[in-house]
C-alpha atoms as a PDB file:
ATOM      1  CA  MET A   1    -144.564 157.502  97.851  1.00  0.00           C
ATOM      2  CA  THR A   2    -145.808 157.603  94.293  1.00  0.00           C
ATOM      3  CA  GLN A   3    -145.357 154.739  91.898  1.00  0.00           C
ATOM      4  CA  PRO A   4    -142.992 155.001  88.927  1.00  0.00           C
ATOM      5  CA  THR A   5    -144.805 156.363  85.924  1.00  0.00           C
ATOM      6  CA  THR A   6    -144.454 157.066  82.271  1.00  0.00           C
ATOM      7  CA  PRO A   7    -146.187 160.415  81.987  1.00  0.00           C
ATOM      8  CA  THR A   8    -147.740 161.829  78.897  1.00  0.00           C
ATOM      9  CA  ILE A   9    -146.310 165.172  77.838  1.00  0.00           C
ATOM     10  CA  GLU A  10    -148.586 167.685  76.188  1.00  0.00           C
ATOM     11  CA  ALA A  11    -148.245 171.238  74.954  1.00  0.00           C
ATOM     12  CA  LEU A  12    -149.902 173.627  77.381  1.00  0.00           C
ATOM     13  CA  THR A  13    -152.529 176.024  76.046  1.00  0.00           C
ATOM     14  CA  CYS A  14    -154.056 179.156  77.548  1.00  0.00           C
ATOM     15  CA  ASP A  15    -157.369 177.364  77.997  1.00  0.00           C
ATOM     16  CA  SER A  16    -155.801 174.330  79.701  1.00  0.00           C
ATOM     17  CA  PRO A  17    -157.123 173.419  83.147  1.00  0.00           C
ATOM     18  CA  HIS A  18    -153.441 172.933  84.120  1.00  0.00           C
ATOM     19  CA  LEU A  19    -152.276 176.472  83.326  1.00  0.00           C
ATOM     20  CA  GLU A  20    -152.917 177.774  86.852  1.00  0.00           C
ATOM     21  CA  THR A  21    -150.953 174.887  88.386  1.00  0.00           C
ATOM     22  CA  VAL A  22    -147.976 175.549  86.105  1.00  0.00           C
ATOM     23  CA  VAL A  23    -148.078 179.277  86.888  1.00  0.00           C
ATOM     24  CA  THR A  24    -148.279 178.512  90.618  1.00  0.00           C
ATOM     25  CA  TRP A  25    -145.220 176.239  90.393  1.00  0.00           C
ATOM     26  CA  GLN A  26    -143.273 178.913  88.537  1.00  0.00           C
ATOM     27  CA  HIS A  27    -144.358 181.712  90.849  1.00  0.00           C
ATOM     28  CA  GLU A  28    -143.535 179.770  94.015  1.00  0.00           C
ATOM     29  CA  SER A  29    -140.234 178.400  92.685  1.00  0.00           C
ATOM     30  CA  TRP A  30    -138.783 181.451  90.959  1.00  0.00           C
ATOM     31  CA  GLY A  31    -140.871 184.419  92.036  1.00  0.00           C
ATOM     32  CA  HIS A  32    -138.029 185.622  94.281  1.00  0.00           C
ATOM     33  CA  LEU A  33    -135.919 186.274  91.166  1.00  0.00           C
ATOM     34  CA  ASN A  34    -138.399 188.892  89.949  1.00  0.00           C
ATOM     35  CA  PRO A  35    -140.431 189.997  92.991  1.00  0.00           C
ATOM     36  CA  SER A  36    -142.185 192.792  91.085  1.00  0.00           C
ATOM     37  CA  LEU A  37    -143.902 190.214  88.847  1.00  0.00           C
ATOM     38  CA  THR A  38    -147.341 189.517  90.328  1.00  0.00           C
ATOM     39  CA  PHE A  39    -149.102 186.181  90.010  1.00  0.00           C
ATOM     40  CA  ASP A  40    -151.519 187.663  87.471  1.00  0.00           C
ATOM     41  CA  ALA A  41    -148.654 189.100  85.409  1.00  0.00           C
ATOM     42  CA  ARG A  42    -146.877 185.737  85.506  1.00  0.00           C
ATOM     43  CA  TYR A  43    -150.114 184.048  84.439  1.00  0.00           C
ATOM     44  CA  ASP A  44    -150.305 186.358  81.418  1.00  0.00           C
ATOM     45  CA  GLU A  45    -146.608 185.766  80.668  1.00  0.00           C
ATOM     46  CA  VAL A  46    -146.956 181.973  80.744  1.00  0.00           C
ATOM     47  CA  CYS A  47    -150.116 182.131  78.652  1.00  0.00           C
ATOM     48  CA  GLY A  48    -148.136 184.171  76.120  1.00  0.00           C
ATOM     49  CA  GLU A  49    -145.516 181.413  76.049  1.00  0.00           C
ATOM     50  CA  CYS A  50    -148.128 178.781  75.091  1.00  0.00           C
ATOM     51  CA  GLY A  51    -147.360 179.042  71.393  1.00  0.00           C
ATOM     52  CA  PRO A  52    -148.601 176.709  68.649  1.00  0.00           C
ATOM     53  CA  GLY A  53    -145.143 175.242  67.980  1.00  0.00           C
ATOM     54  CA  GLY A  54    -141.476 176.149  68.111  1.00  0.00           C
ATOM     55  CA  VAL A  55    -140.576 179.164  70.235  1.00  0.00           C
ATOM     56  CA  PRO A  56    -142.312 179.811  72.567  1.00  0.00           C
ATOM     57  CA  ARG A  57    -143.915 176.622  73.807  1.00  0.00           C
ATOM     58  CA  VAL A  58    -144.781 175.262  77.257  1.00  0.00           C
ATOM     59  CA  PHE A  59    -145.130 171.567  78.058  1.00  0.00           C
ATOM     60  CA  VAL A  60    -146.794 169.792  80.938  1.00  0.00           C
ATOM     61  CA  ALA A  61    -146.216 166.210  82.061  1.00  0.00           C
ATOM     62  CA  LEU A  62    -149.392 164.434  83.120  1.00  0.00           C
ATOM     63  CA  HIS A  63    -150.071 161.308  85.160  1.00  0.00           C
ATOM     64  CA  GLU A  64    -153.672 160.124  85.015  1.00  0.00           C
ATOM     65  CA  GLY A  65    -154.670 163.605  83.869  1.00  0.00           C
ATOM     66  CA  GLN A  66    -152.911 165.415  86.712  1.00  0.00           C
ATOM     67  CA  PRO A  67    -149.917 167.720  86.145  1.00  0.00           C
ATOM     68  CA  ILE A  68    -146.636 166.360  87.520  1.00  0.00           C
ATOM     69  CA  GLY A  69    -144.093 168.585  85.783  1.00  0.00           C
ATOM     70  CA  THR A  70    -143.448 171.333  83.285  1.00  0.00           C
ATOM     71  CA  ALA A  71    -140.765 172.786  81.009  1.00  0.00           C
ATOM     72  CA  SER A  72    -140.672 175.592  78.449  1.00  0.00           C
ATOM     73  CA  LEU A  73    -138.914 176.656  75.277  1.00  0.00           C
ATOM     74  CA  ILE A  74    -138.752 180.466  75.294  1.00  0.00           C
ATOM     75  CA  GLU A  75    -136.999 183.251  73.413  1.00  0.00           C
ATOM     76  CA  SER A  76    -135.132 184.759  76.378  1.00  0.00           C
ATOM     77  CA  ASP A  77    -134.653 183.804  80.018  1.00  0.00           C
ATOM     78  CA  MET A  78    -131.784 186.048  81.090  1.00  0.00           C
ATOM     79  CA  THR A  79    -132.033 189.813  80.667  1.00  0.00           C
ATOM     80  CA  THR A  80    -128.255 190.197  80.952  1.00  0.00           C
ATOM     81  CA  ARG A  81    -127.648 187.821  78.020  1.00  0.00           C
ATOM     82  CA  PRO A  82    -130.116 188.949  75.321  1.00  0.00           C
ATOM     83  CA  GLN A  83    -127.815 187.654  72.567  1.00  0.00           C
ATOM     84  CA  LEU A  84    -128.329 184.086  73.804  1.00  0.00           C
ATOM     85  CA  THR A  85    -131.493 182.586  72.411  1.00  0.00           C
ATOM     86  CA  PRO A  86    -133.650 180.501  72.714  1.00  0.00           C
ATOM     87  CA  TRP A  87    -133.825 178.954  76.197  1.00  0.00           C
ATOM     88  CA  LEU A  88    -134.967 175.820  77.964  1.00  0.00           C
ATOM     89  CA  ALA A  89    -136.702 177.282  81.006  1.00  0.00           C
ATOM     90  CA  SER A  90    -138.942 176.601  83.973  1.00  0.00           C
ATOM     91  CA  VAL A  91    -138.200 172.893  84.335  1.00  0.00           C
ATOM     92  CA  PHE A  92    -140.136 171.859  87.430  1.00  0.00           C
ATOM     93  CA  VAL A  93    -141.290 168.587  88.965  1.00  0.00           C
ATOM     94  CA  PRO A  94    -143.002 168.571  92.388  1.00  0.00           C
ATOM     95  CA  PRO A  95    -140.887 166.916  95.125  1.00  0.00           C
ATOM     96  CA  GLU A  96    -143.140 163.856  95.402  1.00  0.00           C
ATOM     97  CA  TRP A  97    -142.570 163.061  91.706  1.00  0.00           C
ATOM     98  CA  ARG A  98    -138.809 163.641  91.548  1.00  0.00           C
ATOM     99  CA  GLY A  99    -136.320 160.856  90.900  1.00  0.00           C
ATOM    100  CA  GLN A 100    -138.512 159.151  88.297  1.00  0.00           C
ATOM    101  CA  GLY A 101    -137.053 160.638  85.120  1.00  0.00           C
ATOM    102  CA  ILE A 102    -139.863 163.130  84.583  1.00  0.00           C
ATOM    103  CA  ALA A 103    -137.571 166.172  84.337  1.00  0.00           C
ATOM    104  CA  SER A 104    -135.369 164.299  81.865  1.00  0.00           C
ATOM    105  CA  ARG A 105    -138.376 163.421  79.713  1.00  0.00           C
ATOM    106  CA  LEU A 106    -139.540 167.039  79.775  1.00  0.00           C
ATOM    107  CA  VAL A 107    -136.084 168.281  78.781  1.00  0.00           C
ATOM    108  CA  ARG A 108    -135.989 165.779  75.906  1.00  0.00           C
ATOM    109  CA  ARG A 109    -139.429 166.939  74.755  1.00  0.00           C
ATOM    110  CA  VAL A 110    -138.269 170.563  74.696  1.00  0.00           C
ATOM    111  CA  GLU A 111    -135.128 169.495  72.801  1.00  0.00           C
ATOM    112  CA  GLU A 112    -137.330 167.671  70.291  1.00  0.00           C
ATOM    113  CA  GLU A 113    -139.416 170.819  69.820  1.00  0.00           C
ATOM    114  CA  ALA A 114    -136.289 172.926  69.362  1.00  0.00           C
ATOM    115  CA  ARG A 115    -134.901 170.524  66.793  1.00  0.00           C
ATOM    116  CA  TRP A 116    -138.248 170.487  64.961  1.00  0.00           C
ATOM    117  CA  ALA A 117    -138.133 174.310  64.873  1.00  0.00           C
ATOM    118  CA  GLY A 118    -134.686 174.234  63.249  1.00  0.00           C
ATOM    119  CA  ILE A 119    -132.804 175.420  66.318  1.00  0.00           C
ATOM    120  CA  GLU A 120    -129.188 174.302  66.352  1.00  0.00           C
ATOM    121  CA  ARG A 121    -128.174 175.591  69.782  1.00  0.00           C
ATOM    122  CA  PHE A 122    -130.014 176.750  72.858  1.00  0.00           C
ATOM    123  CA  TYR A 123    -129.412 177.639  76.491  1.00  0.00           C
ATOM    124  CA  LEU A 124    -130.541 177.248  80.085  1.00  0.00           C
ATOM    125  CA  TYR A 125    -129.395 178.491  83.434  1.00  0.00           C
ATOM    126  CA  THR A 126    -129.459 176.657  86.730  1.00  0.00           C
ATOM    127  CA  PRO A 127    -128.176 177.295  90.245  1.00  0.00           C
ATOM    128  CA  ASP A 128    -128.027 173.631  91.277  1.00  0.00           C
ATOM    129  CA  GLN A 129    -128.960 171.101  88.572  1.00  0.00           C
ATOM    130  CA  GLN A 130    -125.773 171.127  86.499  1.00  0.00           C
ATOM    131  CA  ALA A 131    -125.269 167.365  86.958  1.00  0.00           C
ATOM    132  CA  LEU A 132    -128.748 166.542  85.626  1.00  0.00           C
ATOM    133  CA  TYR A 133    -128.277 168.652  82.523  1.00  0.00           C
ATOM    134  CA  ALA A 134    -124.722 167.396  81.942  1.00  0.00           C
ATOM    135  CA  ARG A 135    -126.083 163.814  81.930  1.00  0.00           C
ATOM    136  CA  LEU A 136    -128.498 164.937  79.224  1.00  0.00           C
ATOM    137  CA  GLY A 137    -125.731 166.333  77.004  1.00  0.00           C
ATOM    138  CA  TRP A 138    -125.697 169.972  78.096  1.00  0.00           C
ATOM    139  CA  GLN A 139    -122.345 171.739  78.504  1.00  0.00           C
ATOM    140  CA  ALA A 140    -121.342 174.557  80.853  1.00  0.00           C
ATOM    141  CA  TYR A 141    -121.111 177.876  78.997  1.00  0.00           C
ATOM    142  CA  GLU A 142    -120.382 180.327  81.836  1.00  0.00           C
ATOM    143  CA  SER A 143    -120.857 180.847  85.557  1.00  0.00           C
ATOM    144  CA  LEU A 144    -122.185 184.145  86.870  1.00  0.00           C
ATOM    145  CA  THR A 145    -124.409 185.796  89.424  1.00  0.00           C
ATOM    146  CA  TYR A 146    -127.880 186.537  88.097  1.00  0.00           C
ATOM    147  CA  ARG A 147    -130.434 188.386  90.201  1.00  0.00           C
ATOM    148  CA  GLY A 148    -128.395 187.654  93.313  1.00  0.00           C
ATOM    149  CA  GLU A 149    -128.038 183.913  92.654  1.00  0.00           C
ATOM    150  CA  ALA A 150    -124.928 182.016  91.522  1.00  0.00           C
ATOM    151  CA  VAL A 151    -125.884 180.164  88.336  1.00  0.00           C
ATOM    152  CA  THR A 152    -124.362 178.220  85.491  1.00  0.00           C
ATOM    153  CA  VAL A 153    -125.438 178.998  81.957  1.00  0.00           C
ATOM    154  CA  MET A 154    -125.409 175.791  79.934  1.00  0.00           C
ATOM    155  CA  THR A 155    -125.788 175.145  76.217  1.00  0.00           C
ATOM    156  CA  ARG A 156    -126.928 172.257  74.038  1.00  0.00           C
ATOM    157  CA  TYR A 157    -126.141 171.711  70.370  1.00  0.00           C
ATOM    158  CA  LEU A 158    -128.831 169.962  68.354  1.00  0.00           C
ATOM    159  CA  ASN A 159    -127.265 170.044  64.900  1.00  0.00           C
ATOM    160  CA  ASP A 160    -125.540 166.690  65.094  1.00  0.00           C
ATOM    161  CA  ASP A 161    -127.042 163.394  64.035  1.00  0.00           C
ATOM    162  CA  THR A 162    -127.331 162.058  67.565  1.00  0.00           C
ATOM    163  CA  PRO A 163    -130.964 161.123  68.158  1.00  0.00           C
ATOM    164  CA  ILE A 164    -132.637 162.535  71.242  1.00  0.00           C
ATOM    165  CA  ALA A 165    -133.559 159.515  73.329  1.00  0.00           C
END
């Protein structure tokens, strides 16, 4: 069992030693949703999402220099809803690090980036983490089946004066 931690959260870059780990997490966790996307193609996609600020941007949580989670702010995450933009995407924390608030801190960091970029509203979809996102202020937008999986699209407004904790 790992000890509770306060990770650092950094923007991921294409030359980061952690890029391959983040791509591996994404490929193993969500590769079934787009089986035609190879690991190399996903690597290129994630590298393309490592923008300098705003949309797109990928973040990695680190503990003693080792990656323990990731989350992204991207233009589009659902091909059937192209009018919805931008998206919180690819929130992942390895099982041994879960339950320590790391995902929540990553979500807050992406929200901070979105607010900094002038975004007033953005979206996510999840098959099973609705309660986590609801605790963080996200609201259900619609339920649907996407790529064979029942999911809830959720939305978050950032244009109020409520500080992101």
